[in-house]
Amino acid sequence: MIKIIFILSCIVLFFNISYGFYQSQSSIKHLLSNRKHCNNKNLSSIYRIIDDISIKSTPATIENPSNQLSLKHKLGIYGQSGLLAYGFMNFSYYSVAMIIAWYNTRAIIQKNLIALSLRDRVASTSLQVVKLLVLVWAGSQVTKAFRISLSLVLAPYADKVITWSQNKMKISSRSLAFSILASSLLASTFIIYATIILYTVFVI
């Protein structure tokens, strides 16, 4: 039962973060697929920029994306840096929102654990965390536009972090550096959730 609850929690978190990454990446493909039918001068300038640089290049050169583009499309132009910035915003939101939700309900949760065995405590707490995660996910839909907007601001800094990490770890692949950073954010989220469960179980 505990393993099932933990796996479900991982799947929900991984799906939401991965889906955000996928939406940002697909924005670039959408722009490129429609470029033949584009007569807008602003959009044409964006296409020229995409031709001049690759996804792996420094996105800081893109300072003023067209206002006619949606937030997702603007974020997609930044490539891996935009994805990492959005991943960081997801990590921040899901971590902080879960801690706040847990803090406001911990007394009720812990009260129901007093008479249970250790194994039942872990199972019950994990189930409550999953329920809180559903509420946090619902709240994420309200804050999505805000998080994407902040990701646009953070994208140039995310590019510097990727470059710094690549040089620090002495790896030739920028994509590998990006993957390590993204995986670290995901792993940090799981650690925070596991800490919440353990703290709730053992500190009563």
N, C-alpha and C. Protein backbone atom coordinates (compact mmCIF):
# COMPACT_ATOMS: atom_id res chain seq x y z
N MET A 1 0.83 -1.20 0.00
CA MET A 1 0.00 0.00 0.00
C MET A 1 0.86 1.26 0.00
N ILE A 2 1.92 1.23 0.84
CA ILE A 2 2.82 2.37 0.93
C ILE A 2 3.53 2.59 -0.41
N LYS A 3 3.98 1.50 -1.02
CA LYS A 3 4.68 1.61 -2.30
C LYS A 3 3.75 2.17 -3.38
N ILE A 4 2.50 1.74 -3.37
CA ILE A 4 1.54 2.22 -4.37
C ILE A 4 1.31 3.72 -4.23
N ILE A 5 1.14 4.17 -2.98
CA ILE A 5 0.91 5.59 -2.73
C ILE A 5 2.13 6.41 -3.16
N PHE A 6 3.32 5.90 -2.83
CA PHE A 6 4.54 6.62 -3.20
C PHE A 6 4.68 6.70 -4.72
N ILE A 7 4.41 5.61 -5.40
CA ILE A 7 4.52 5.58 -6.87
C ILE A 7 3.53 6.55 -7.49
N LEU A 8 2.29 6.59 -6.96
CA LEU A 8 1.30 7.52 -7.49
C LEU A 8 1.74 8.96 -7.30
N SER A 9 2.32 9.27 -6.17
CA SER A 9 2.81 10.62 -5.91
C SER A 9 3.90 10.99 -6.91
N CYS A 10 4.82 10.07 -7.15
CA CYS A 10 5.90 10.31 -8.10
C CYS A 10 5.36 10.53 -9.51
N ILE A 11 4.37 9.73 -9.88
CA ILE A 11 3.79 9.83 -11.23
C ILE A 11 3.13 11.18 -11.42
N VAL A 12 2.36 11.64 -10.42
CA VAL A 12 1.67 12.93 -10.53
C VAL A 12 2.66 14.08 -10.66
N LEU A 13 3.70 14.07 -9.82
CA LEU A 13 4.71 15.12 -9.88
C LEU A 13 5.46 15.09 -11.20
N PHE A 14 5.91 13.90 -11.60
CA PHE A 14 6.68 13.77 -12.82
C PHE A 14 5.87 14.18 -14.04
N PHE A 15 4.58 13.78 -14.06
CA PHE A 15 3.73 14.11 -15.20
C PHE A 15 3.54 15.62 -15.32
N ASN A 16 3.28 16.29 -14.20
CA ASN A 16 3.03 17.72 -14.26
C ASN A 16 4.25 18.51 -14.71
N ILE A 17 5.42 18.16 -14.15
CA ILE A 17 6.64 18.87 -14.53
C ILE A 17 7.03 18.54 -15.97
N SER A 18 6.93 17.26 -16.34
CA SER A 18 7.28 16.87 -17.70
C SER A 18 6.33 17.49 -18.72
N TYR A 19 5.05 17.59 -18.36
CA TYR A 19 4.08 18.18 -19.28
C TYR A 19 4.39 19.66 -19.49
N GLY A 20 4.83 20.33 -18.44
CA GLY A 20 5.21 21.73 -18.59
C GLY A 20 6.41 21.87 -19.51
N PHE A 21 7.40 20.97 -19.36
CA PHE A 21 8.54 20.97 -20.25
C PHE A 21 8.11 20.72 -21.69
N TYR A 22 7.21 19.74 -21.87
CA TYR A 22 6.76 19.39 -23.22
C TYR A 22 6.04 20.55 -23.89
N GLN A 23 5.18 21.25 -23.13
CA GLN A 23 4.45 22.38 -23.71
C GLN A 23 5.39 23.47 -24.18
N SER A 24 6.42 23.74 -23.39
CA SER A 24 7.38 24.77 -23.77
C SER A 24 8.15 24.36 -25.02
N GLN A 25 8.59 23.10 -25.06
CA GLN A 25 9.35 22.62 -26.21
C GLN A 25 8.50 22.59 -27.46
N SER A 26 7.22 22.21 -27.35
CA SER A 26 6.35 22.12 -28.52
C SER A 26 6.03 23.50 -29.10
N SER A 27 6.20 24.55 -28.29
CA SER A 27 5.94 25.90 -28.79
C SER A 27 6.89 26.25 -29.93
N ILE A 28 8.14 25.81 -29.81
CA ILE A 28 9.12 26.08 -30.87
C ILE A 28 8.71 25.36 -32.15
N LYS A 29 8.31 24.10 -32.02
CA LYS A 29 7.90 23.33 -33.19
C LYS A 29 6.69 23.96 -33.86
N HIS A 30 5.77 24.49 -33.05
CA HIS A 30 4.58 25.12 -33.60
C HIS A 30 4.96 26.38 -34.38
N LEU A 31 5.88 27.15 -33.85
CA LEU A 31 6.32 28.36 -34.54
C LEU A 31 6.97 28.01 -35.88
N LEU A 32 7.85 27.01 -35.87
CA LEU A 32 8.56 26.64 -37.08
C LEU A 32 7.64 26.04 -38.13
N SER A 33 6.62 25.30 -37.69
CA SER A 33 5.71 24.66 -38.65
C SER A 33 4.83 25.68 -39.36
N ASN A 34 4.62 26.86 -38.75
CA ASN A 34 3.76 27.88 -39.34
C ASN A 34 4.52 29.02 -40.00
N ARG A 35 5.82 28.91 -40.09
CA ARG A 35 6.60 30.04 -40.58
C ARG A 35 6.36 30.33 -42.06
N LYS A 36 6.00 29.32 -42.85
CA LYS A 36 5.77 29.54 -44.27
C LYS A 36 4.57 30.44 -44.53
N HIS A 37 3.63 30.45 -43.60
CA HIS A 37 2.41 31.22 -43.78
C HIS A 37 2.44 32.52 -42.99
N CYS A 38 3.64 32.90 -42.53
CA CYS A 38 3.74 34.06 -41.66
C CYS A 38 4.03 35.31 -42.48
N ASN A 39 3.22 36.34 -42.31
CA ASN A 39 3.42 37.64 -42.96
C ASN A 39 3.69 38.74 -41.94
N ASN A 40 3.72 38.39 -40.67
CA ASN A 40 3.92 39.36 -39.60
C ASN A 40 5.41 39.66 -39.47
N LYS A 41 5.78 40.95 -39.51
CA LYS A 41 7.18 41.34 -39.46
C LYS A 41 7.83 40.97 -38.14
N ASN A 42 7.08 41.12 -37.05
CA ASN A 42 7.63 40.79 -35.73
C ASN A 42 7.93 39.30 -35.62
N LEU A 43 6.98 38.48 -36.09
CA LEU A 43 7.18 37.03 -36.04
C LEU A 43 8.32 36.62 -36.98
N SER A 44 8.44 37.30 -38.11
CA SER A 44 9.51 36.98 -39.05
C SER A 44 10.87 37.22 -38.42
N SER A 45 10.96 38.27 -37.60
CA SER A 45 12.23 38.54 -36.92
C SER A 45 12.55 37.44 -35.91
N ILE A 46 11.51 36.91 -35.28
CA ILE A 46 11.72 35.80 -34.35
C ILE A 46 12.26 34.58 -35.09
N TYR A 47 11.69 34.31 -36.28
CA TYR A 47 12.14 33.16 -37.06
C TYR A 47 13.61 33.33 -37.48
N ARG A 48 14.00 34.57 -37.80
CA ARG A 48 15.39 34.79 -38.19
C ARG A 48 16.33 34.52 -37.02
N ILE A 49 15.86 34.89 -35.82
CA ILE A 49 16.68 34.63 -34.63
C ILE A 49 16.84 33.14 -34.41
N ILE A 50 15.73 32.40 -34.58
CA ILE A 50 15.78 30.94 -34.40
C ILE A 50 16.72 30.31 -35.42
N ASP A 51 16.77 30.88 -36.64
CA ASP A 51 17.67 30.36 -37.65
C ASP A 51 19.13 30.61 -37.28
N ASP A 52 19.38 31.74 -36.62
CA ASP A 52 20.76 32.13 -36.30
C ASP A 52 21.32 31.40 -35.11
N ILE A 53 20.45 30.95 -34.21
CA ILE A 53 20.93 30.27 -33.00
C ILE A 53 20.22 28.95 -32.85
N SER A 54 20.81 28.04 -32.16
CA SER A 54 20.19 26.73 -31.89
C SER A 54 19.60 26.75 -30.50
N ILE A 55 18.92 25.68 -30.18
CA ILE A 55 18.34 25.56 -28.85
C ILE A 55 19.43 25.60 -27.78
N LYS A 56 20.62 25.18 -28.15
CA LYS A 56 21.69 25.09 -27.16
C LYS A 56 22.45 26.40 -27.00
N SER A 57 22.16 27.38 -27.81
CA SER A 57 22.89 28.63 -27.72
C SER A 57 22.34 29.50 -26.61
N THR A 58 23.01 30.60 -26.34
CA THR A 58 22.62 31.49 -25.27
C THR A 58 21.37 32.25 -25.64
N PRO A 59 20.25 32.08 -24.91
CA PRO A 59 19.01 32.74 -25.26
C PRO A 59 18.95 34.18 -24.80
N ALA A 60 20.00 34.66 -24.14
CA ALA A 60 19.97 36.04 -23.65
C ALA A 60 19.95 37.03 -24.79
N THR A 61 20.29 36.58 -26.03
CA THR A 61 20.26 37.48 -27.17
C THR A 61 18.83 37.81 -27.57
N ILE A 62 17.87 37.03 -27.11
CA ILE A 62 16.47 37.28 -27.44
C ILE A 62 15.88 38.15 -26.35
N GLU A 63 15.89 39.44 -26.53
CA GLU A 63 15.51 40.35 -25.46
C GLU A 63 14.04 40.75 -25.53
N ASN A 64 13.51 40.83 -26.73
CA ASN A 64 12.14 41.32 -26.87
C ASN A 64 11.30 40.43 -27.77
N PRO A 65 10.86 39.26 -27.28
CA PRO A 65 9.96 38.42 -28.08
C PRO A 65 8.69 39.18 -28.41
N SER A 66 8.07 38.85 -29.53
CA SER A 66 6.87 39.57 -29.95
C SER A 66 5.76 39.47 -28.93
N ASN A 67 5.10 40.59 -28.69
CA ASN A 67 3.99 40.61 -27.74
C ASN A 67 2.81 39.80 -28.25
N GLN A 68 2.80 39.49 -29.55
CA GLN A 68 1.68 38.74 -30.12
C GLN A 68 1.81 37.25 -29.82
N LEU A 69 2.97 36.83 -29.34
CA LEU A 69 3.15 35.43 -29.00
C LEU A 69 2.58 35.15 -27.61
N SER A 70 2.08 33.94 -27.42
CA SER A 70 1.59 33.56 -26.11
C SER A 70 2.77 33.38 -25.17
N LEU A 71 2.48 33.33 -23.87
CA LEU A 71 3.55 33.15 -22.89
C LEU A 71 4.31 31.85 -23.12
N LYS A 72 3.58 30.79 -23.47
CA LYS A 72 4.22 29.50 -23.70
C LYS A 72 5.16 29.57 -24.90
N HIS A 73 4.73 30.27 -25.95
CA HIS A 73 5.57 30.41 -27.13
C HIS A 73 6.82 31.21 -26.81
N LYS A 74 6.66 32.28 -26.03
CA LYS A 74 7.81 33.09 -25.65
C LYS A 74 8.81 32.27 -24.85
N LEU A 75 8.29 31.47 -23.91
CA LEU A 75 9.16 30.63 -23.10
C LEU A 75 9.84 29.57 -23.95
N GLY A 76 9.11 29.04 -24.93
CA GLY A 76 9.67 28.02 -25.80
C GLY A 76 10.85 28.51 -26.61
N ILE A 77 10.87 29.80 -26.93
CA ILE A 77 11.97 30.37 -27.72
C ILE A 77 13.29 30.27 -26.97
N TYR A 78 13.24 30.30 -25.65
CA TYR A 78 14.46 30.24 -24.85
C TYR A 78 15.05 28.83 -24.77
N GLY A 79 14.33 27.84 -25.27
CA GLY A 79 14.86 26.48 -25.32
C GLY A 79 15.09 25.87 -23.96
N GLN A 80 16.25 25.24 -23.81
CA GLN A 80 16.55 24.53 -22.57
C GLN A 80 16.58 25.47 -21.37
N SER A 81 17.03 26.68 -21.56
CA SER A 81 17.07 27.64 -20.46
C SER A 81 15.66 27.97 -19.98
N GLY A 82 14.73 28.10 -20.91
CA GLY A 82 13.34 28.35 -20.54
C GLY A 82 12.74 27.16 -19.81
N LEU A 83 13.08 25.96 -20.27
CA LEU A 83 12.57 24.75 -19.62
C LEU A 83 13.09 24.63 -18.19
N LEU A 84 14.38 24.93 -18.02
CA LEU A 84 14.96 24.84 -16.68
C LEU A 84 14.36 25.89 -15.76
N ALA A 85 14.15 27.10 -16.28
CA ALA A 85 13.55 28.16 -15.47
C ALA A 85 12.13 27.78 -15.06
N TYR A 86 11.38 27.20 -16.00
CA TYR A 86 10.02 26.77 -15.68
C TYR A 86 10.03 25.61 -14.68
N GLY A 87 11.01 24.72 -14.84
CA GLY A 87 11.14 23.62 -13.88
C GLY A 87 11.45 24.13 -12.48
N PHE A 88 12.28 25.17 -12.40
CA PHE A 88 12.60 25.75 -11.10
C PHE A 88 11.38 26.39 -10.47
N MET A 89 10.56 27.05 -11.29
CA MET A 89 9.34 27.67 -10.77
C MET A 89 8.36 26.59 -10.30
N ASN A 90 8.29 25.48 -11.03
CA ASN A 90 7.43 24.37 -10.59
C ASN A 90 7.93 23.79 -9.27
N PHE A 91 9.24 23.61 -9.19
CA PHE A 91 9.84 23.10 -7.95
C PHE A 91 9.51 24.02 -6.78
N SER A 92 9.67 25.31 -6.99
CA SER A 92 9.41 26.29 -5.92
C SER A 92 7.95 26.27 -5.51
N TYR A 93 7.07 26.26 -6.51
CA TYR A 93 5.64 26.29 -6.19
C TYR A 93 5.20 25.03 -5.45
N TYR A 94 5.53 23.86 -6.00
CA TYR A 94 5.06 22.60 -5.40
C TYR A 94 5.67 22.37 -4.02
N SER A 95 6.89 22.85 -3.82
CA SER A 95 7.51 22.68 -2.50
C SER A 95 6.88 23.61 -1.47
N VAL A 96 6.81 24.90 -1.80
CA VAL A 96 6.28 25.88 -0.86
C VAL A 96 4.79 25.64 -0.60
N ALA A 97 4.03 25.39 -1.67
CA ALA A 97 2.58 25.18 -1.52
C ALA A 97 2.29 23.94 -0.68
N MET A 98 3.06 22.87 -0.88
CA MET A 98 2.85 21.66 -0.09
C MET A 98 3.19 21.88 1.38
N ILE A 99 4.28 22.60 1.64
CA ILE A 99 4.67 22.87 3.03
C ILE A 99 3.59 23.69 3.73
N ILE A 100 3.06 24.69 3.02
CA ILE A 100 2.00 25.52 3.62
C ILE A 100 0.74 24.70 3.87
N ALA A 101 0.36 23.87 2.89
CA ALA A 101 -0.83 23.04 3.05
C ALA A 101 -0.65 22.04 4.19
N TRP A 102 0.55 21.45 4.27
CA TRP A 102 0.81 20.50 5.35
C TRP A 102 0.81 21.20 6.71
N TYR A 103 1.41 22.38 6.78
CA TYR A 103 1.50 23.11 8.05
C TYR A 103 0.11 23.40 8.62
N ASN A 104 -0.83 23.71 7.75
CA ASN A 104 -2.17 24.07 8.19
C ASN A 104 -3.04 22.85 8.53
N THR A 105 -2.57 21.66 8.16
CA THR A 105 -3.37 20.46 8.43
C THR A 105 -2.64 19.43 9.29
N ARG A 106 -1.39 19.71 9.65
CA ARG A 106 -0.57 18.72 10.34
C ARG A 106 -1.16 18.29 11.68
N ALA A 107 -1.77 19.23 12.40
CA ALA A 107 -2.32 18.89 13.71
C ALA A 107 -3.41 17.83 13.60
N ILE A 108 -4.29 17.99 12.61
CA ILE A 108 -5.38 17.03 12.40
C ILE A 108 -4.81 15.69 11.95
N ILE A 109 -3.82 15.74 11.04
CA ILE A 109 -3.23 14.51 10.53
C ILE A 109 -2.55 13.74 11.65
N GLN A 110 -1.75 14.44 12.45
CA GLN A 110 -1.00 13.77 13.52
C GLN A 110 -1.92 13.25 14.62
N LYS A 111 -3.03 13.94 14.86
CA LYS A 111 -3.98 13.49 15.88
C LYS A 111 -4.54 12.13 15.54
N ASN A 112 -4.75 11.88 14.25
CA ASN A 112 -5.32 10.61 13.81
C ASN A 112 -4.29 9.48 13.76
N LEU A 113 -3.01 9.82 13.99
CA LEU A 113 -1.96 8.81 13.90
C LEU A 113 -1.57 8.21 15.24
N ILE A 114 -2.02 8.82 16.32
CA ILE A 114 -1.56 8.43 17.66
C ILE A 114 -1.78 6.95 17.96
N ALA A 115 -2.93 6.44 17.61
CA ALA A 115 -3.28 5.05 17.96
C ALA A 115 -2.84 4.03 16.92
N LEU A 116 -2.16 4.47 15.87
CA LEU A 116 -1.79 3.56 14.79
C LEU A 116 -0.38 3.03 14.95
N SER A 117 -0.11 1.90 14.30
CA SER A 117 1.24 1.35 14.28
C SER A 117 2.11 2.17 13.34
N LEU A 118 3.41 1.93 13.37
CA LEU A 118 4.33 2.70 12.54
C LEU A 118 4.01 2.55 11.06
N ARG A 119 3.76 1.33 10.65
CA ARG A 119 3.46 1.08 9.24
C ARG A 119 2.18 1.79 8.81
N ASP A 120 1.17 1.72 9.68
CA ASP A 120 -0.10 2.38 9.36
C ASP A 120 0.04 3.90 9.36
N ARG A 121 0.93 4.39 10.20
CA ARG A 121 1.18 5.83 10.22
C ARG A 121 1.75 6.31 8.89
N VAL A 122 2.72 5.55 8.40
CA VAL A 122 3.35 5.90 7.12
C VAL A 122 2.33 5.85 5.99
N ALA A 123 1.51 4.79 5.98
CA ALA A 123 0.49 4.64 4.93
C ALA A 123 -0.54 5.76 5.00
N SER A 124 -1.01 6.06 6.20
CA SER A 124 -2.02 7.10 6.37
C SER A 124 -1.48 8.47 6.00
N THR A 125 -0.24 8.76 6.44
CA THR A 125 0.37 10.05 6.13
C THR A 125 0.62 10.21 4.63
N SER A 126 1.08 9.14 4.00
CA SER A 126 1.32 9.18 2.54
C SER A 126 0.02 9.47 1.80
N LEU A 127 -1.06 8.85 2.25
CA LEU A 127 -2.36 9.08 1.62
C LEU A 127 -2.79 10.53 1.77
N GLN A 128 -2.56 11.11 2.95
CA GLN A 128 -2.92 12.51 3.18
C GLN A 128 -2.07 13.45 2.32
N VAL A 129 -0.80 13.10 2.13
CA VAL A 129 0.07 13.91 1.29
C VAL A 129 -0.40 13.90 -0.16
N VAL A 130 -0.86 12.72 -0.62
CA VAL A 130 -1.41 12.63 -1.97
C VAL A 130 -2.64 13.52 -2.12
N LYS A 131 -3.50 13.51 -1.10
CA LYS A 131 -4.69 14.37 -1.14
C LYS A 131 -4.31 15.84 -1.17
N LEU A 132 -3.31 16.20 -0.38
CA LEU A 132 -2.84 17.59 -0.40
C LEU A 132 -2.22 17.94 -1.75
N LEU A 133 -1.55 16.96 -2.34
CA LEU A 133 -0.93 17.19 -3.65
C LEU A 133 -1.98 17.51 -4.71
N VAL A 134 -3.13 16.86 -4.62
CA VAL A 134 -4.21 17.14 -5.56
C VAL A 134 -4.67 18.59 -5.42
N LEU A 135 -4.78 19.06 -4.19
CA LEU A 135 -5.17 20.46 -3.95
C LEU A 135 -4.10 21.41 -4.46
N VAL A 136 -2.84 21.06 -4.23
CA VAL A 136 -1.74 21.90 -4.70
C VAL A 136 -1.73 21.96 -6.22
N TRP A 137 -1.98 20.81 -6.86
CA TRP A 137 -2.03 20.79 -8.33
C TRP A 137 -3.15 21.68 -8.85
N ALA A 138 -4.32 21.64 -8.20
CA ALA A 138 -5.43 22.51 -8.61
C ALA A 138 -5.04 23.97 -8.50
N GLY A 139 -4.33 24.32 -7.43
CA GLY A 139 -3.86 25.69 -7.28
C GLY A 139 -2.84 26.08 -8.32
N SER A 140 -2.09 25.10 -8.83
CA SER A 140 -1.06 25.40 -9.83
C SER A 140 -1.67 25.89 -11.14
N GLN A 141 -2.91 25.48 -11.42
CA GLN A 141 -3.56 25.93 -12.65
C GLN A 141 -3.89 27.42 -12.59
N VAL A 142 -4.10 27.91 -11.37
CA VAL A 142 -4.40 29.33 -11.19
C VAL A 142 -3.14 30.17 -11.34
N THR A 143 -2.02 29.63 -10.89
CA THR A 143 -0.77 30.39 -10.88
C THR A 143 0.11 30.10 -12.10
N LYS A 144 -0.38 29.33 -13.06
CA LYS A 144 0.46 28.91 -14.19
C LYS A 144 0.98 30.10 -14.99
N ALA A 145 0.12 31.05 -15.32
CA ALA A 145 0.54 32.22 -16.11
C ALA A 145 1.60 33.02 -15.36
N PHE A 146 1.41 33.16 -14.06
CA PHE A 146 2.38 33.89 -13.24
C PHE A 146 3.72 33.19 -13.24
N ARG A 147 3.70 31.85 -13.12
CA ARG A 147 4.95 31.09 -13.09
C ARG A 147 5.67 31.15 -14.44
N ILE A 148 4.91 31.11 -15.52
CA ILE A 148 5.54 31.21 -16.84
C ILE A 148 6.15 32.59 -17.04
N SER A 149 5.46 33.63 -16.56
CA SER A 149 5.99 34.99 -16.68
C SER A 149 7.30 35.13 -15.92
N LEU A 150 7.36 34.58 -14.71
CA LEU A 150 8.60 34.62 -13.94
C LEU A 150 9.69 33.79 -14.61
N SER A 151 9.27 32.70 -15.26
CA SER A 151 10.25 31.85 -15.96
C SER A 151 10.91 32.62 -17.10
N LEU A 152 10.14 33.47 -17.76
CA LEU A 152 10.71 34.31 -18.83
C LEU A 152 11.79 35.23 -18.28
N VAL A 153 11.55 35.75 -17.08
CA VAL A 153 12.54 36.64 -16.45
C VAL A 153 13.79 35.85 -16.05
N LEU A 154 13.59 34.62 -15.58
CA LEU A 154 14.70 33.81 -15.07
C LEU A 154 15.46 33.05 -16.16
N ALA A 155 14.90 32.98 -17.36
CA ALA A 155 15.51 32.18 -18.42
C ALA A 155 16.97 32.56 -18.71
N PRO A 156 17.31 33.86 -18.84
CA PRO A 156 18.73 34.19 -19.08
C PRO A 156 19.64 33.74 -17.96
N TYR A 157 19.15 33.80 -16.72
CA TYR A 157 19.96 33.35 -15.58
C TYR A 157 20.08 31.82 -15.59
N ALA A 158 19.01 31.15 -16.01
CA ALA A 158 19.06 29.69 -16.12
C ALA A 158 20.10 29.26 -17.14
N ASP A 159 20.23 30.05 -18.21
CA ASP A 159 21.24 29.76 -19.22
C ASP A 159 22.64 29.83 -18.62
N LYS A 160 22.86 30.82 -17.76
CA LYS A 160 24.17 30.95 -17.12
C LYS A 160 24.43 29.78 -16.17
N VAL A 161 23.37 29.32 -15.50
CA VAL A 161 23.51 28.18 -14.59
C VAL A 161 23.88 26.92 -15.36
N ILE A 162 23.24 26.71 -16.51
CA ILE A 162 23.55 25.53 -17.33
C ILE A 162 25.00 25.58 -17.79
N THR A 163 25.42 26.76 -18.28
CA THR A 163 26.80 26.92 -18.75
C THR A 163 27.80 26.71 -17.61
N TRP A 164 27.50 27.28 -16.44
CA TRP A 164 28.38 27.13 -15.29
C TRP A 164 28.48 25.67 -14.86
N SER A 165 27.34 24.98 -14.83
CA SER A 165 27.32 23.58 -14.44
C SER A 165 28.09 22.72 -15.44
N GLN A 166 27.93 23.04 -16.72
CA GLN A 166 28.64 22.29 -17.75
C GLN A 166 30.15 22.43 -17.58
N ASN A 167 30.60 23.65 -17.32
CA ASN A 167 32.04 23.89 -17.13
C ASN A 167 32.54 23.28 -15.82
N LYS A 168 31.72 23.38 -14.77
CA LYS A 168 32.11 22.89 -13.46
C LYS A 168 32.24 21.36 -13.47
N MET A 169 31.29 20.70 -14.13
CA MET A 169 31.32 19.24 -14.19
C MET A 169 32.19 18.72 -15.32
N LYS A 170 32.70 19.64 -16.15
CA LYS A 170 33.60 19.30 -17.25
C LYS A 170 32.99 18.27 -18.19
N ILE A 171 31.77 18.56 -18.62
CA ILE A 171 31.10 17.68 -19.59
C ILE A 171 30.92 18.45 -20.89
N SER A 172 31.01 17.74 -21.99
CA SER A 172 30.94 18.39 -23.30
C SER A 172 29.51 18.66 -23.76
N SER A 173 28.57 17.91 -23.23
CA SER A 173 27.19 18.01 -23.68
C SER A 173 26.39 19.00 -22.82
N ARG A 174 25.87 20.02 -23.44
CA ARG A 174 25.01 20.98 -22.73
C ARG A 174 23.69 20.32 -22.33
N SER A 175 23.22 19.42 -23.20
CA SER A 175 21.96 18.73 -22.90
C SER A 175 22.09 17.86 -21.66
N LEU A 176 23.27 17.26 -21.47
CA LEU A 176 23.50 16.44 -20.28
C LEU A 176 23.49 17.31 -19.03
N ALA A 177 24.10 18.48 -19.10
CA ALA A 177 24.10 19.40 -17.96
C ALA A 177 22.67 19.82 -17.62
N PHE A 178 21.89 20.09 -18.66
CA PHE A 178 20.49 20.46 -18.45
C PHE A 178 19.72 19.31 -17.80
N SER A 179 19.95 18.09 -18.27
CA SER A 179 19.25 16.92 -17.73
C SER A 179 19.59 16.70 -16.26
N ILE A 180 20.86 16.90 -15.91
CA ILE A 180 21.28 16.73 -14.52
C ILE A 180 20.61 17.76 -13.63
N LEU A 181 20.55 19.00 -14.08
CA LEU A 181 19.92 20.06 -13.29
C LEU A 181 18.42 19.82 -13.14
N ALA A 182 17.76 19.42 -14.23
CA ALA A 182 16.32 19.15 -14.18
C ALA A 182 16.03 17.97 -13.26
N SER A 183 16.86 16.93 -13.34
CA SER A 183 16.68 15.77 -12.47
C SER A 183 16.90 16.13 -11.01
N SER A 184 17.83 17.05 -10.76
CA SER A 184 18.10 17.49 -9.39
C SER A 184 16.90 18.21 -8.80
N LEU A 185 16.23 19.02 -9.62
CA LEU A 185 15.03 19.71 -9.15
C LEU A 185 13.93 18.71 -8.80
N LEU A 186 13.76 17.71 -9.67
CA LEU A 186 12.74 16.69 -9.43
C LEU A 186 13.06 15.89 -8.17
N ALA A 187 14.33 15.51 -8.03
CA ALA A 187 14.74 14.73 -6.86
C ALA A 187 14.58 15.54 -5.58
N SER A 188 14.88 16.84 -5.65
CA SER A 188 14.73 17.70 -4.47
C SER A 188 13.27 17.79 -4.03
N THR A 189 12.36 17.80 -5.01
CA THR A 189 10.94 17.83 -4.68
C THR A 189 10.53 16.56 -3.94
N PHE A 190 11.00 15.41 -4.42
CA PHE A 190 10.68 14.14 -3.77
C PHE A 190 11.25 14.09 -2.35
N ILE A 191 12.46 14.63 -2.17
CA ILE A 191 13.08 14.64 -0.84
C ILE A 191 12.26 15.47 0.14
N ILE A 192 11.78 16.61 -0.33
CA ILE A 192 10.95 17.47 0.53
C ILE A 192 9.67 16.76 0.93
N TYR A 193 9.04 16.07 -0.02
CA TYR A 193 7.79 15.35 0.28
C TYR A 193 8.06 14.20 1.23
N ALA A 194 9.17 13.49 1.02
CA ALA A 194 9.51 12.38 1.91
C ALA A 194 9.80 12.89 3.32
N THR A 195 10.44 14.05 3.41
CA THR A 195 10.73 14.65 4.71
C THR A 195 9.44 15.01 5.45
N ILE A 196 8.47 15.53 4.71
CA ILE A 196 7.17 15.86 5.31
C ILE A 196 6.53 14.61 5.90
N ILE A 197 6.57 13.51 5.14
CA ILE A 197 5.96 12.26 5.60
C ILE A 197 6.67 11.74 6.86
N LEU A 198 7.99 11.71 6.82
CA LEU A 198 8.75 11.19 7.96
C LEU A 198 8.58 12.06 9.19
N TYR A 199 8.58 13.37 9.00
CA TYR A 199 8.42 14.28 10.13
C TYR A 199 7.04 14.09 10.78
N THR A 200 6.03 13.94 9.93
CA THR A 200 4.68 13.77 10.44
C THR A 200 4.54 12.46 11.22
N VAL A 201 5.20 11.43 10.73
CA VAL A 201 5.11 10.10 11.36
C VAL A 201 5.83 10.04 12.70
N PHE A 202 7.04 10.60 12.75
CA PHE A 202 7.88 10.41 13.93
C PHE A 202 7.81 11.55 14.95
N VAL A 203 7.39 12.74 14.52
CA VAL A 203 7.31 13.87 15.47
C VAL A 203 5.85 14.11 15.79
N ILE A 204 5.35 13.43 16.77
CA ILE A 204 3.95 13.55 17.20
C ILE A 204 3.91 14.08 18.63
